[in-house]
Amino acid sequence: MAKPPVHSDPPDSLGGTAGHGGGGKAPDRRHQATLVGVAVAAILLVWFAVANLGRVRIDFWVFHRQAPLILVIVISGLLGALITALIMRRKPKA
């Protein structure tokens, strides 16, 4: 014979559980939307990377270098994000 659960919320009229802000459907829908968004972003990122495999010349003051365009774009974006994070981290003077 199965024991009843120690703690459970009574089901509401919509089939979910009462006391969870409108049932159990909202967190599942939000989770699914997040997964779809991440999947779309990943597909676009891969497409962008494949489209930008060509090599470009990078001119520094002293020397020149060849690198894939996608690598140049990703490194530039990461440096920009790092600089933005450092600037946003500064506390305003009182």
Protein backbone atom coordinates (compact mmCIF):
# COMPACT_ATOMS: atom_id res chain seq x y z
CA MET A 1 0.00 0.00 0.00
CA ALA A 2 1.42 3.39 -1.05
CA LYS A 3 1.82 6.09 1.54
CA PRO A 4 0.29 9.52 0.82
CA PRO A 5 2.76 12.37 0.28
CA VAL A 6 3.89 14.15 3.42
CA HIS A 7 3.17 17.61 1.97
CA SER A 8 1.22 18.44 -1.12
CA ASP A 9 -0.91 21.33 -2.28
CA PRO A 10 -4.50 20.58 -3.24
CA PRO A 11 -5.14 20.77 -7.00
CA ASP A 12 -6.89 23.90 -8.23
CA SER A 13 -9.69 24.05 -10.79
CA LEU A 14 -7.24 24.28 -13.73
CA GLY A 15 -5.48 21.02 -12.93
CA GLY A 16 -2.38 22.63 -11.45
CA THR A 17 -1.56 23.06 -7.81
CA ALA A 18 -2.92 25.92 -5.77
CA GLY A 19 -0.57 28.45 -4.27
CA HIS A 20 1.96 28.59 -7.14
CA GLY A 21 0.80 31.77 -8.85
CA GLY A 22 -1.68 30.43 -11.39
CA GLY A 23 -0.74 26.79 -11.62
CA GLY A 24 2.27 24.88 -12.87
CA LYS A 25 1.98 26.01 -16.49
CA ALA A 26 3.74 29.42 -16.30
CA PRO A 27 7.22 28.19 -15.27
CA ASP A 28 7.10 25.44 -17.93
CA ARG A 29 6.13 27.94 -20.64
CA ARG A 30 8.84 30.38 -19.56
CA HIS A 31 11.41 27.56 -19.55
CA GLN A 32 10.35 26.46 -23.03
CA ALA A 33 10.51 30.02 -24.35
CA THR A 34 14.01 30.39 -22.90
CA LEU A 35 15.13 27.14 -24.51
CA VAL A 36 13.70 28.19 -27.88
CA GLY A 37 15.44 31.57 -27.62
CA VAL A 38 18.78 29.96 -26.77
CA ALA A 39 18.40 27.47 -29.63
CA VAL A 40 17.63 30.25 -32.13
CA ALA A 41 20.60 32.30 -30.88
CA ALA A 42 22.90 29.28 -31.17
CA ILE A 43 21.74 28.56 -34.73
CA LEU A 44 22.27 32.20 -35.72
CA LEU A 45 25.71 32.22 -34.11
CA VAL A 46 26.79 29.10 -36.00
CA TRP A 47 25.41 30.53 -39.25
CA PHE A 48 27.26 33.80 -38.65
CA ALA A 49 30.49 31.93 -37.89
CA VAL A 50 30.27 29.82 -41.04
CA ALA A 51 29.48 32.90 -43.16
CA ASN A 52 32.56 34.74 -41.82
CA LEU A 53 35.36 32.20 -42.18
CA GLY A 54 37.38 34.36 -44.59
CA ARG A 55 40.76 35.61 -43.47
CA VAL A 56 41.38 39.33 -42.99
CA ARG A 57 44.54 41.34 -42.51
CA ILE A 58 44.91 43.06 -39.14
CA ASP A 59 47.30 46.01 -39.08
CA PHE A 60 48.96 46.80 -35.78
CA TRP A 61 51.47 49.62 -35.39
CA VAL A 62 54.52 47.42 -35.68
CA PHE A 63 53.39 44.24 -37.43
CA HIS A 64 50.60 42.74 -39.55
CA ARG A 65 48.67 39.53 -39.00
CA GLN A 66 46.11 37.38 -40.84
CA ALA A 67 43.15 35.95 -38.87
CA PRO A 68 39.66 34.61 -39.57
CA LEU A 69 37.06 37.37 -39.58
CA ILE A 70 34.85 35.57 -37.05
CA LEU A 71 37.77 35.45 -34.60
CA VAL A 72 38.35 39.19 -34.99
CA ILE A 73 34.63 39.89 -34.43
CA VAL A 74 34.37 37.62 -31.36
CA ILE A 75 37.51 39.03 -29.72
CA SER A 76 36.35 42.60 -30.40
CA GLY A 77 32.95 41.83 -28.89
CA LEU A 78 34.46 40.23 -25.80
CA LEU A 79 36.83 43.18 -25.28
CA GLY A 80 33.91 45.58 -25.66
CA ALA A 81 31.85 43.60 -23.12
CA LEU A 82 34.79 43.56 -20.70
CA ILE A 83 35.31 47.33 -20.99
CA THR A 84 31.57 47.92 -20.53
CA ALA A 85 31.48 45.68 -17.45
CA LEU A 86 34.46 47.50 -15.94
CA ILE A 87 32.89 50.90 -16.56
CA MET A 88 29.50 49.82 -15.19
CA ARG A 89 31.19 48.39 -12.10
CA ARG A 90 32.57 51.78 -11.05
CA LYS A 91 30.62 53.33 -8.22
CA PRO A 92 29.52 56.95 -8.59
CA LYS A 93 31.07 59.43 -6.18
CA ALA A 94 28.73 60.59 -3.42
